[in-house]
Amino acid sequence: MMELKGAPVANAITEACKKEIGALAAKGITPKLAVVRVGEREDDLSYERGIVKRFSSAGAKTEIFALPEDIGQDGLEEIIINLNSDDKIHGILIFRPLPKYISEARIKNLILPAKDIDCMTAENTAAVFEGNGNGYPPCTPKAVMEILNFYNIGLTGKKATVVGRSMVVGKPLAMMLASANATVTLCHTKTLDLAEECRNADIIAACAGKANMLGADCVRPGKTVIDVGINMVGDKLCGDVDYEAVKNIVEAISPVPGGVGAVTTSVLLKNTVQATSKNPVSRLCG
C-alpha cells in the first residue's frame, strides 16, 4: 500500500510558487491575501495559522481581518467592497460557514471574481463546471487533483466515485475529475448500495463529512482512495474512510491527518500568486 502523504505535494507547489513570487518581487510586487474571519472558531484559527505560515515561508503576505460575530451584514459587505478596491490585495478568502444571520449568497457574489481565490462567486463556480480553465477552483478539490497528479495516478478512462455532494468539495471535484477524462459517479449519504458504487470505481474520493463511513466493504485491491473528511471522534482526528480497515486492501490511500488538508494551504498560495500575475492593476502596485 502506498500512502499518499500531502507534505511532499505541498512542498513541491510551494517551491514552484517561490520562483513566481521571486519574479514578481523583481517588479516590486508581493502577492497578498486578505483572510476574513468572523468569530473565533478553533478550526478557523487552525487553518488561519497554517495559511500565515505557508505564505510567510514562500515570501507572500497575508492580512487577517478578524471580525466579531455581531459585525452584521452591512459591516461585512463594507469590508469586502473595500478589499475589492484595494489594489494591494490580490486574493480574498472568507471563512465559512458564516453566522446564520448573514446572507452568504450576498457576500460570496460581492467578491470580485479576479480576487475570488477559493471559488465562492457564481462566475468562478461556472468556470469549474464548464471546465474552461478560467477562474480559481476551490482549494480543497484542487488539492485532491494535485495529489493525484503528484503521485502519477492517471485519470483518463478511470472510474471515479465521489462520495459527497457539497458545492465546496463534492460537486466541483466531480467536475474537475470529469474534465481530466475520468468517468465520474457522484454519490452521497442517501445513495442506495453505496458500498457497491464504491467497489465499482478505480478511484474513491470521500468528502461526505461522516466519520469512518467507508469501510472494507467499499473497496477492493488496486483501488486508490482519497480521504477529504476531517472529523473528530473523541479526541482523535479521522477521515470519512476507516483507514485501518482498508489500508491493507487498497493500492493507495491518503491519510487523515497529513493528506489532503496538508495540501490546501499551498493551493491557496498558488491561486493567490496566479491572481497576482493575472491582475493588470496589481502590476502597478507594490
C-alpha atoms as a PDB file:
ATOM      1  CA  MET A   1       0.000   0.000   0.000  1.00  0.00           C
ATOM      2  CA  MET A   2       1.237   3.470  -0.923  1.00  0.00           C
ATOM      3  CA  GLU A   3       0.383   6.260   1.497  1.00  0.00           C
ATOM      4  CA  LEU A   4      -0.430   9.455  -0.399  1.00  0.00           C
ATOM      5  CA  LYS A   5       1.094  11.942   2.006  1.00  0.00           C
ATOM      6  CA  GLY A   6       0.293  15.609   1.482  1.00  0.00           C
ATOM      7  CA  ALA A   7       3.537  17.194   2.678  1.00  0.00           C
ATOM      8  CA  PRO A   8       5.654  16.361  -0.403  1.00  0.00           C
ATOM      9  CA  VAL A   9       2.882  17.662  -2.654  1.00  0.00           C
ATOM     10  CA  ALA A  10       2.518  20.874  -0.666  1.00  0.00           C
ATOM     11  CA  ASN A  11       6.273  21.451  -0.634  1.00  0.00           C
ATOM     12  CA  ALA A  12       6.531  20.980  -4.413  1.00  0.00           C
ATOM     13  CA  ILE A  13       3.727  23.504  -5.010  1.00  0.00           C
ATOM     14  CA  THR A  14       5.283  25.968  -2.581  1.00  0.00           C
ATOM     15  CA  GLU A  15       8.703  25.729  -4.221  1.00  0.00           C
ATOM     16  CA  ALA A  16       7.174  26.432  -7.625  1.00  0.00           C
ATOM     17  CA  CYS A  17       5.326  29.418  -6.144  1.00  0.00           C
ATOM     18  CA  LYS A  18       8.548  30.785  -4.668  1.00  0.00           C
ATOM     19  CA  LYS A  19      10.001  31.109  -8.154  1.00  0.00           C
ATOM     20  CA  GLU A  20       6.956  33.040  -9.360  1.00  0.00           C
ATOM     21  CA  ILE A  21       6.984  35.203  -6.239  1.00  0.00           C
ATOM     22  CA  GLY A  22      10.643  35.994  -6.879  1.00  0.00           C
ATOM     23  CA  ALA A  23       9.844  37.114 -10.430  1.00  0.00           C
ATOM     24  CA  LEU A  24       7.036  39.324  -9.119  1.00  0.00           C
ATOM     25  CA  ALA A  25       9.309  40.751  -6.428  1.00  0.00           C
ATOM     26  CA  ALA A  26      11.707  41.916  -9.154  1.00  0.00           C
ATOM     27  CA  LYS A  27       8.831  44.117 -10.375  1.00  0.00           C
ATOM     28  CA  GLY A  28       8.130  45.426  -6.880  1.00  0.00           C
ATOM     29  CA  ILE A  29       5.039  43.250  -6.375  1.00  0.00           C
ATOM     30  CA  THR A  30       4.309  40.951  -3.425  1.00  0.00           C
ATOM     31  CA  PRO A  31       1.263  38.650  -3.574  1.00  0.00           C
ATOM     32  CA  LYS A  32      -1.095  39.435  -0.714  1.00  0.00           C
ATOM     33  CA  LEU A  33      -4.112  37.535   0.589  1.00  0.00           C
ATOM     34  CA  ALA A  34      -6.862  39.032   2.730  1.00  0.00           C
ATOM     35  CA  VAL A  35      -8.288  36.469   5.174  1.00  0.00           C
ATOM     36  CA  VAL A  36     -11.718  37.432   6.505  1.00  0.00           C
ATOM     37  CA  ARG A  37     -12.772  35.589   9.660  1.00  0.00           C
ATOM     38  CA  VAL A  38     -16.000  36.176  11.574  1.00  0.00           C
ATOM     39  CA  GLY A  39     -15.729  34.917  15.158  1.00  0.00           C
ATOM     40  CA  GLU A  40     -13.085  32.620  16.636  1.00  0.00           C
ATOM     41  CA  ARG A  41     -13.910  29.035  15.782  1.00  0.00           C
ATOM     42  CA  GLU A  42     -10.951  26.816  16.592  1.00  0.00           C
ATOM     43  CA  ASP A  43     -10.935  25.131  13.169  1.00  0.00           C
ATOM     44  CA  ASP A  44     -10.826  28.571  11.510  1.00  0.00           C
ATOM     45  CA  LEU A  45      -7.970  29.677  13.758  1.00  0.00           C
ATOM     46  CA  SER A  46      -6.027  26.499  12.988  1.00  0.00           C
ATOM     47  CA  TYR A  47      -6.496  26.968   9.236  1.00  0.00           C
ATOM     48  CA  GLU A  48      -5.541  30.631   9.567  1.00  0.00           C
ATOM     49  CA  ARG A  49      -2.280  29.765  11.299  1.00  0.00           C
ATOM     50  CA  GLY A  50      -1.460  27.297   8.531  1.00  0.00           C
ATOM     51  CA  ILE A  51      -2.139  29.930   5.863  1.00  0.00           C
ATOM     52  CA  VAL A  52       0.046  32.549   7.528  1.00  0.00           C
ATOM     53  CA  LYS A  53       2.902  30.060   7.945  1.00  0.00           C
ATOM     54  CA  ARG A  54       2.691  28.825   4.336  1.00  0.00           C
ATOM     55  CA  PHE A  55       2.539  32.314   2.811  1.00  0.00           C
ATOM     56  CA  SER A  56       5.324  33.674   5.004  1.00  0.00           C
ATOM     57  CA  SER A  57       7.639  30.780   4.138  1.00  0.00           C
ATOM     58  CA  ALA A  58       7.137  31.492   0.437  1.00  0.00           C
ATOM     59  CA  GLY A  59       7.629  35.262   0.636  1.00  0.00           C
ATOM     60  CA  ALA A  60       3.959  36.201   0.216  1.00  0.00           C
ATOM     61  CA  LYS A  61       1.836  38.336   2.537  1.00  0.00           C
ATOM     62  CA  THR A  62      -1.387  37.843   4.450  1.00  0.00           C
ATOM     63  CA  GLU A  63      -3.636  40.349   6.174  1.00  0.00           C
ATOM     64  CA  ILE A  64      -6.096  38.988   8.719  1.00  0.00           C
ATOM     65  CA  PHE A  65      -9.463  40.671   9.186  1.00  0.00           C
ATOM     66  CA  ALA A  66     -10.651  39.188  12.494  1.00  0.00           C
ATOM     67  CA  LEU A  67     -14.235  40.340  12.901  1.00  0.00           C
ATOM     68  CA  PRO A  68     -16.642  39.986  15.837  1.00  0.00           C
ATOM     69  CA  GLU A  69     -19.589  37.634  15.410  1.00  0.00           C
ATOM     70  CA  ASP A  70     -22.008  40.554  15.713  1.00  0.00           C
ATOM     71  CA  ILE A  71     -20.483  42.545  12.852  1.00  0.00           C
ATOM     72  CA  GLY A  72     -23.710  42.478  10.841  1.00  0.00           C
ATOM     73  CA  GLN A  73     -24.429  42.197   7.116  1.00  0.00           C
ATOM     74  CA  ASP A  74     -23.683  45.817   6.239  1.00  0.00           C
ATOM     75  CA  GLY A  75     -20.391  45.843   8.138  1.00  0.00           C
ATOM     76  CA  LEU A  76     -19.113  42.707   6.432  1.00  0.00           C
ATOM     77  CA  GLU A  77     -20.219  43.912   2.997  1.00  0.00           C
ATOM     78  CA  GLU A  78     -18.374  47.193   3.520  1.00  0.00           C
ATOM     79  CA  ILE A  79     -15.155  45.314   4.284  1.00  0.00           C
ATOM     80  CA  ILE A  80     -15.489  43.185   1.132  1.00  0.00           C
ATOM     81  CA  ILE A  81     -16.135  46.271  -1.007  1.00  0.00           C
ATOM     82  CA  ASN A  82     -13.029  47.948   0.422  1.00  0.00           C
ATOM     83  CA  LEU A  83     -10.909  44.849  -0.260  1.00  0.00           C
ATOM     84  CA  ASN A  84     -12.185  44.747  -3.841  1.00  0.00           C
ATOM     85  CA  SER A  85     -10.919  48.283  -4.423  1.00  0.00           C
ATOM     86  CA  ASP A  86      -7.559  47.780  -2.653  1.00  0.00           C
ATOM     87  CA  ASP A  87      -5.003  47.214  -5.435  1.00  0.00           C
ATOM     88  CA  LYS A  88      -2.501  45.718  -2.996  1.00  0.00           C
ATOM     89  CA  ILE A  89      -4.880  42.875  -2.122  1.00  0.00           C
ATOM     90  CA  HIS A  90      -4.705  40.158  -4.780  1.00  0.00           C
ATOM     91  CA  GLY A  91      -6.899  37.495  -3.203  1.00  0.00           C
ATOM     92  CA  ILE A  92      -9.810  37.354  -0.771  1.00  0.00           C
ATOM     93  CA  LEU A  93     -10.648  34.338   1.386  1.00  0.00           C
ATOM     94  CA  ILE A  94     -13.744  34.303   3.602  1.00  0.00           C
ATOM     95  CA  PHE A  95     -14.012  31.534   6.172  1.00  0.00           C
ATOM     96  CA  ARG A  96     -17.265  29.610   6.017  1.00  0.00           C
ATOM     97  CA  PRO A  97     -19.806  28.927   7.322  1.00  0.00           C
ATOM     98  CA  LEU A  98     -20.745  32.481   8.164  1.00  0.00           C
ATOM     99  CA  PRO A  99     -23.119  33.200  11.066  1.00  0.00           C
ATOM    100  CA  LYS A 100     -26.716  32.310  10.161  1.00  0.00           C
ATOM    101  CA  TYR A 101     -27.918  35.927  10.289  1.00  0.00           C
ATOM    102  CA  ILE A 102     -25.525  36.879   7.465  1.00  0.00           C
ATOM    103  CA  SER A 103     -26.591  36.201   3.873  1.00  0.00           C
ATOM    104  CA  GLU A 104     -23.754  34.147   2.425  1.00  0.00           C
ATOM    105  CA  ALA A 105     -25.359  34.396  -1.014  1.00  0.00           C
ATOM    106  CA  ARG A 106     -24.976  38.186  -0.967  1.00  0.00           C
ATOM    107  CA  ILE A 107     -21.453  38.067   0.442  1.00  0.00           C
ATOM    108  CA  LYS A 108     -19.988  35.484  -1.935  1.00  0.00           C
ATOM    109  CA  ASN A 109     -21.108  37.287  -5.064  1.00  0.00           C
ATOM    110  CA  LEU A 110     -19.875  40.606  -3.771  1.00  0.00           C
ATOM    111  CA  ILE A 111     -16.250  39.481  -4.175  1.00  0.00           C
ATOM    112  CA  LEU A 112     -14.546  40.409  -7.433  1.00  0.00           C
ATOM    113  CA  PRO A 113     -14.098  37.162  -9.402  1.00  0.00           C
ATOM    114  CA  ALA A 114     -10.477  38.169 -10.103  1.00  0.00           C
ATOM    115  CA  LYS A 115      -9.814  38.079  -6.332  1.00  0.00           C
ATOM    116  CA  ASP A 116     -12.014  35.071  -5.558  1.00  0.00           C
ATOM    117  CA  ILE A 117      -9.251  32.547  -4.972  1.00  0.00           C
ATOM    118  CA  ASP A 118     -11.465  29.900  -3.255  1.00  0.00           C
ATOM    119  CA  CYS A 119     -14.323  29.832  -5.790  1.00  0.00           C
ATOM    120  CA  MET A 120     -17.156  31.494  -3.890  1.00  0.00           C
ATOM    121  CA  THR A 121     -18.588  33.553  -6.754  1.00  0.00           C
ATOM    122  CA  ALA A 122     -21.067  32.268  -9.312  1.00  0.00           C
ATOM    123  CA  GLU A 123     -18.680  33.220 -12.126  1.00  0.00           C
ATOM    124  CA  ASN A 124     -15.805  31.105 -10.848  1.00  0.00           C
ATOM    125  CA  THR A 125     -18.139  28.228  -9.960  1.00  0.00           C
ATOM    126  CA  ALA A 126     -19.483  28.278 -13.519  1.00  0.00           C
ATOM    127  CA  ALA A 127     -15.909  28.146 -14.845  1.00  0.00           C
ATOM    128  CA  VAL A 128     -15.267  24.950 -12.853  1.00  0.00           C
ATOM    129  CA  PHE A 129     -18.452  23.324 -14.142  1.00  0.00           C
ATOM    130  CA  GLU A 130     -17.715  24.404 -17.717  1.00  0.00           C
ATOM    131  CA  GLY A 131     -14.127  23.181 -17.403  1.00  0.00           C
ATOM    132  CA  ASN A 132     -12.857  26.183 -19.331  1.00  0.00           C
ATOM    133  CA  GLY A 133      -9.753  26.775 -17.209  1.00  0.00           C
ATOM    134  CA  ASN A 134     -10.804  30.258 -16.125  1.00  0.00           C
ATOM    135  CA  GLY A 135     -11.081  31.453 -12.554  1.00  0.00           C
ATOM    136  CA  TYR A 136      -9.835  29.614  -9.492  1.00  0.00           C
ATOM    137  CA  PRO A 137     -11.234  26.245  -8.377  1.00  0.00           C
ATOM    138  CA  PRO A 138     -11.995  25.616  -4.687  1.00  0.00           C
ATOM    139  CA  CYS A 139      -8.784  24.864  -2.821  1.00  0.00           C
ATOM    140  CA  THR A 140      -9.798  21.516  -1.314  1.00  0.00           C
ATOM    141  CA  PRO A 141     -10.896  19.717  -4.516  1.00  0.00           C
ATOM    142  CA  LYS A 142      -7.924  21.270  -6.291  1.00  0.00           C
ATOM    143  CA  ALA A 143      -5.715  19.781  -3.561  1.00  0.00           C
ATOM    144  CA  VAL A 144      -7.165  16.349  -4.410  1.00  0.00           C
ATOM    145  CA  MET A 145      -6.247  16.860  -8.062  1.00  0.00           C
ATOM    146  CA  GLU A 146      -2.731  17.986  -7.105  1.00  0.00           C
ATOM    147  CA  ILE A 147      -2.227  14.808  -5.058  1.00  0.00           C
ATOM    148  CA  LEU A 148      -3.374  12.570  -7.907  1.00  0.00           C
ATOM    149  CA  ASN A 149      -1.069  14.387 -10.318  1.00  0.00           C
ATOM    150  CA  PHE A 150       1.944  14.348  -7.982  1.00  0.00           C
ATOM    151  CA  TYR A 151       1.703  10.588  -7.427  1.00  0.00           C
ATOM    152  CA  ASN A 152       1.130   9.937 -11.150  1.00  0.00           C
ATOM    153  CA  ILE A 153      -2.311   8.421 -10.675  1.00  0.00           C
ATOM    154  CA  GLY A 154      -3.811   8.562 -14.144  1.00  0.00           C
ATOM    155  CA  LEU A 155      -7.437   9.554 -14.593  1.00  0.00           C
ATOM    156  CA  THR A 156      -8.130   9.093 -18.297  1.00  0.00           C
ATOM    157  CA  GLY A 157     -10.688   6.344 -18.732  1.00  0.00           C
ATOM    158  CA  LYS A 158     -10.791   5.559 -14.991  1.00  0.00           C
ATOM    159  CA  LYS A 159     -13.994   5.215 -12.984  1.00  0.00           C
ATOM    160  CA  ALA A 160     -14.085   7.707 -10.113  1.00  0.00           C
ATOM    161  CA  THR A 161     -16.695   7.754  -7.350  1.00  0.00           C
ATOM    162  CA  VAL A 162     -17.094  10.958  -5.350  1.00  0.00           C
ATOM    163  CA  VAL A 163     -18.932  10.463  -2.056  1.00  0.00           C
ATOM    164  CA  GLY A 164     -20.255  13.890  -1.067  1.00  0.00           C
ATOM    165  CA  ARG A 165     -22.268  16.495  -2.970  1.00  0.00           C
ATOM    166  CA  SER A 166     -21.422  19.837  -1.376  1.00  0.00           C
ATOM    167  CA  MET A 167     -20.659  22.864  -3.522  1.00  0.00           C
ATOM    168  CA  VAL A 168     -17.441  23.302  -1.537  1.00  0.00           C
ATOM    169  CA  VAL A 169     -15.902  19.914  -2.361  1.00  0.00           C
ATOM    170  CA  GLY A 170     -18.024  17.126  -3.848  1.00  0.00           C
ATOM    171  CA  LYS A 171     -19.690  18.718  -6.867  1.00  0.00           C
ATOM    172  CA  PRO A 172     -16.691  20.780  -8.063  1.00  0.00           C
ATOM    173  CA  LEU A 173     -14.382  17.791  -7.547  1.00  0.00           C
ATOM    174  CA  ALA A 174     -16.678  15.647  -9.712  1.00  0.00           C
ATOM    175  CA  MET A 175     -16.476  18.249 -12.480  1.00  0.00           C
ATOM    176  CA  MET A 176     -12.694  18.508 -12.205  1.00  0.00           C
ATOM    177  CA  LEU A 177     -12.295  14.730 -12.403  1.00  0.00           C
ATOM    178  CA  ALA A 178     -14.572  14.638 -15.450  1.00  0.00           C
ATOM    179  CA  SER A 179     -12.508  17.394 -17.083  1.00  0.00           C
ATOM    180  CA  ALA A 180      -9.465  15.167 -16.540  1.00  0.00           C
ATOM    181  CA  ASN A 181     -11.235  12.413 -18.555  1.00  0.00           C
ATOM    182  CA  ALA A 182     -12.405  10.247 -15.665  1.00  0.00           C
ATOM    183  CA  THR A 183     -15.891   8.718 -15.733  1.00  0.00           C
ATOM    184  CA  VAL A 184     -17.494  10.062 -12.584  1.00  0.00           C
ATOM    185  CA  THR A 185     -20.262   8.815 -10.304  1.00  0.00           C
ATOM    186  CA  LEU A 186     -21.466  11.324  -7.693  1.00  0.00           C
ATOM    187  CA  CYS A 187     -22.781   9.668  -4.525  1.00  0.00           C
ATOM    188  CA  HIS A 188     -23.867  10.829  -1.063  1.00  0.00           C
ATOM    189  CA  THR A 189     -25.089   9.537   2.283  1.00  0.00           C
ATOM    190  CA  LYS A 190     -28.524   8.649   0.818  1.00  0.00           C
ATOM    191  CA  THR A 191     -27.148   6.625  -2.110  1.00  0.00           C
ATOM    192  CA  LEU A 192     -28.580   3.099  -2.268  1.00  0.00           C
ATOM    193  CA  ASP A 193     -25.904   0.406  -2.005  1.00  0.00           C
ATOM    194  CA  LEU A 194     -23.110   2.927  -1.618  1.00  0.00           C
ATOM    195  CA  ALA A 195     -20.596   0.150  -0.961  1.00  0.00           C
ATOM    196  CA  GLU A 196     -21.151  -1.365  -4.408  1.00  0.00           C
ATOM    197  CA  GLU A 197     -20.909   2.034  -6.120  1.00  0.00           C
ATOM    198  CA  CYS A 198     -17.525   2.476  -4.440  1.00  0.00           C
ATOM    199  CA  ARG A 199     -16.316  -1.040  -5.231  1.00  0.00           C
ATOM    200  CA  ASN A 200     -17.026  -0.449  -8.919  1.00  0.00           C
ATOM    201  CA  ALA A 201     -14.701   2.562  -9.019  1.00  0.00           C
ATOM    202  CA  ASP A 202     -10.965   2.753  -9.604  1.00  0.00           C
ATOM    203  CA  ILE A 203     -10.701   5.915  -7.514  1.00  0.00           C
ATOM    204  CA  ILE A 204     -12.793   6.922  -4.492  1.00  0.00           C
ATOM    205  CA  ALA A 205     -12.871  10.487  -3.171  1.00  0.00           C
ATOM    206  CA  ALA A 206     -14.603  10.574   0.217  1.00  0.00           C
ATOM    207  CA  CYS A 207     -15.924  14.006   1.202  1.00  0.00           C
ATOM    208  CA  ALA A 208     -19.328  13.494   2.859  1.00  0.00           C
ATOM    209  CA  GLY A 209     -18.238  14.652   6.320  1.00  0.00           C
ATOM    210  CA  LYS A 210     -19.186  11.460   8.170  1.00  0.00           C
ATOM    211  CA  ALA A 211     -16.523   9.737  10.229  1.00  0.00           C
ATOM    212  CA  ASN A 212     -15.367   6.299   9.051  1.00  0.00           C
ATOM    213  CA  MET A 213     -18.431   5.833   6.823  1.00  0.00           C
ATOM    214  CA  LEU A 214     -16.495   3.890   4.166  1.00  0.00           C
ATOM    215  CA  GLY A 215     -15.095   0.571   5.337  1.00  0.00           C
ATOM    216  CA  ALA A 216     -13.608  -2.626   3.926  1.00  0.00           C
ATOM    217  CA  ASP A 217     -16.854  -3.491   2.114  1.00  0.00           C
ATOM    218  CA  CYS A 218     -16.421  -0.356  -0.054  1.00  0.00           C
ATOM    219  CA  VAL A 219     -13.018  -1.199  -1.526  1.00  0.00           C
ATOM    220  CA  ARG A 220     -11.139  -3.838  -3.470  1.00  0.00           C
ATOM    221  CA  PRO A 221      -7.474  -4.441  -4.350  1.00  0.00           C
ATOM    222  CA  GLY A 222      -5.955  -1.974  -6.785  1.00  0.00           C
ATOM    223  CA  LYS A 223      -8.147   0.941  -5.708  1.00  0.00           C
ATOM    224  CA  THR A 224      -6.963   4.490  -4.924  1.00  0.00           C
ATOM    225  CA  VAL A 225      -8.714   6.258  -2.037  1.00  0.00           C
ATOM    226  CA  ILE A 226      -8.525   9.989  -1.369  1.00  0.00           C
ATOM    227  CA  ASP A 227      -9.981  10.882   2.027  1.00  0.00           C
ATOM    228  CA  VAL A 228     -11.057  14.525   2.259  1.00  0.00           C
ATOM    229  CA  GLY A 229     -13.025  14.119   5.500  1.00  0.00           C
ATOM    230  CA  ILE A 230     -11.988  15.839   8.713  1.00  0.00           C
ATOM    231  CA  ASN A 231     -13.924  14.539  11.721  1.00  0.00           C
ATOM    232  CA  MET A 232     -13.369  14.335  15.455  1.00  0.00           C
ATOM    233  CA  VAL A 233     -14.089  11.020  17.192  1.00  0.00           C
ATOM    234  CA  GLY A 234     -13.391  11.521  20.859  1.00  0.00           C
ATOM    235  CA  ASP A 235     -10.093  13.376  20.931  1.00  0.00           C
ATOM    236  CA  LYS A 236      -8.823  11.922  17.649  1.00  0.00           C
ATOM    237  CA  LEU A 237      -8.986  13.306  14.129  1.00  0.00           C
ATOM    238  CA  CYS A 238     -10.186  10.919  11.451  1.00  0.00           C
ATOM    239  CA  GLY A 239     -11.479  10.942   7.905  1.00  0.00           C
ATOM    240  CA  ASP A 240     -14.569   9.621   6.142  1.00  0.00           C
ATOM    241  CA  VAL A 241     -12.731   6.360   5.437  1.00  0.00           C
ATOM    242  CA  ASP A 242     -11.949   3.720   8.061  1.00  0.00           C
ATOM    243  CA  TYR A 243      -8.219   3.844   7.407  1.00  0.00           C
ATOM    244  CA  GLU A 244      -7.263   0.806   9.459  1.00  0.00           C
ATOM    245  CA  ALA A 245      -9.950  -1.329   7.829  1.00  0.00           C
ATOM    246  CA  VAL A 246      -8.983  -0.548   4.230  1.00  0.00           C
ATOM    247  CA  LYS A 247      -5.255   0.195   4.244  1.00  0.00           C
ATOM    248  CA  ASN A 248      -4.218  -3.420   3.661  1.00  0.00           C
ATOM    249  CA  ILE A 249      -6.682  -3.860   0.790  1.00  0.00           C
ATOM    250  CA  VAL A 250      -6.246  -0.799  -1.415  1.00  0.00           C
ATOM    251  CA  GLU A 251      -3.279   0.149  -3.556  1.00  0.00           C
ATOM    252  CA  ALA A 252      -3.030   3.745  -2.344  1.00  0.00           C
ATOM    253  CA  ILE A 253      -4.743   5.943   0.260  1.00  0.00           C
ATOM    254  CA  SER A 254      -4.326   9.444   1.661  1.00  0.00           C
ATOM    255  CA  PRO A 255      -4.122   9.660   5.469  1.00  0.00           C
ATOM    256  CA  VAL A 256      -6.072  11.910   7.844  1.00  0.00           C
ATOM    257  CA  PRO A 257      -4.393  13.963   9.135  1.00  0.00           C
ATOM    258  CA  GLY A 258      -1.473  14.524   6.788  1.00  0.00           C
ATOM    259  CA  GLY A 259      -3.191  14.104   3.453  1.00  0.00           C
ATOM    260  CA  VAL A 260      -5.470  16.496   1.558  1.00  0.00           C
ATOM    261  CA  GLY A 261      -5.561  19.060   4.368  1.00  0.00           C
ATOM    262  CA  ALA A 262      -1.794  19.451   4.195  1.00  0.00           C
ATOM    263  CA  VAL A 263      -2.042  20.500   0.544  1.00  0.00           C
ATOM    264  CA  THR A 264      -4.899  23.008   0.812  1.00  0.00           C
ATOM    265  CA  THR A 265      -2.858  25.994   2.026  1.00  0.00           C
ATOM    266  CA  SER A 266      -0.310  25.509  -0.760  1.00  0.00           C
ATOM    267  CA  VAL A 267      -3.132  25.527  -3.328  1.00  0.00           C
ATOM    268  CA  LEU A 268      -4.417  28.725  -1.741  1.00  0.00           C
ATOM    269  CA  LEU A 269      -0.929  30.201  -2.177  1.00  0.00           C
ATOM    270  CA  LYS A 270      -0.820  29.025  -5.799  1.00  0.00           C
ATOM    271  CA  ASN A 271      -4.191  30.607  -6.581  1.00  0.00           C
ATOM    272  CA  THR A 272      -3.141  33.878  -4.951  1.00  0.00           C
ATOM    273  CA  VAL A 273       0.111  34.002  -6.926  1.00  0.00           C
ATOM    274  CA  GLN A 274      -1.794  33.351 -10.147  1.00  0.00           C
ATOM    275  CA  ALA A 275      -4.296  36.079  -9.268  1.00  0.00           C
ATOM    276  CA  THR A 276      -1.405  38.481  -8.696  1.00  0.00           C
ATOM    277  CA  SER A 277       0.139  37.690 -12.081  1.00  0.00           C
ATOM    278  CA  LYS A 278      -3.173  37.976 -13.945  1.00  0.00           C
ATOM    279  CA  ASN A 279      -4.381  41.233 -12.385  1.00  0.00           C
ATOM    280  CA  PRO A 280      -3.082  44.103 -14.586  1.00  0.00           C
ATOM    281  CA  VAL A 281      -3.864  46.736 -11.933  1.00  0.00           C
ATOM    282  CA  SER A 282      -1.805  44.880  -9.372  1.00  0.00           C
ATOM    283  CA  ARG A 283       1.287  45.116 -11.556  1.00  0.00           C
ATOM    284  CA  LEU A 284       1.380  48.797 -10.776  1.00  0.00           C
ATOM    285  CA  CYS A 285       1.209  48.357  -7.026  1.00  0.00           C
ATOM    286  CA  GLY A 286       3.837  47.182  -4.574  1.00  0.00           C
END
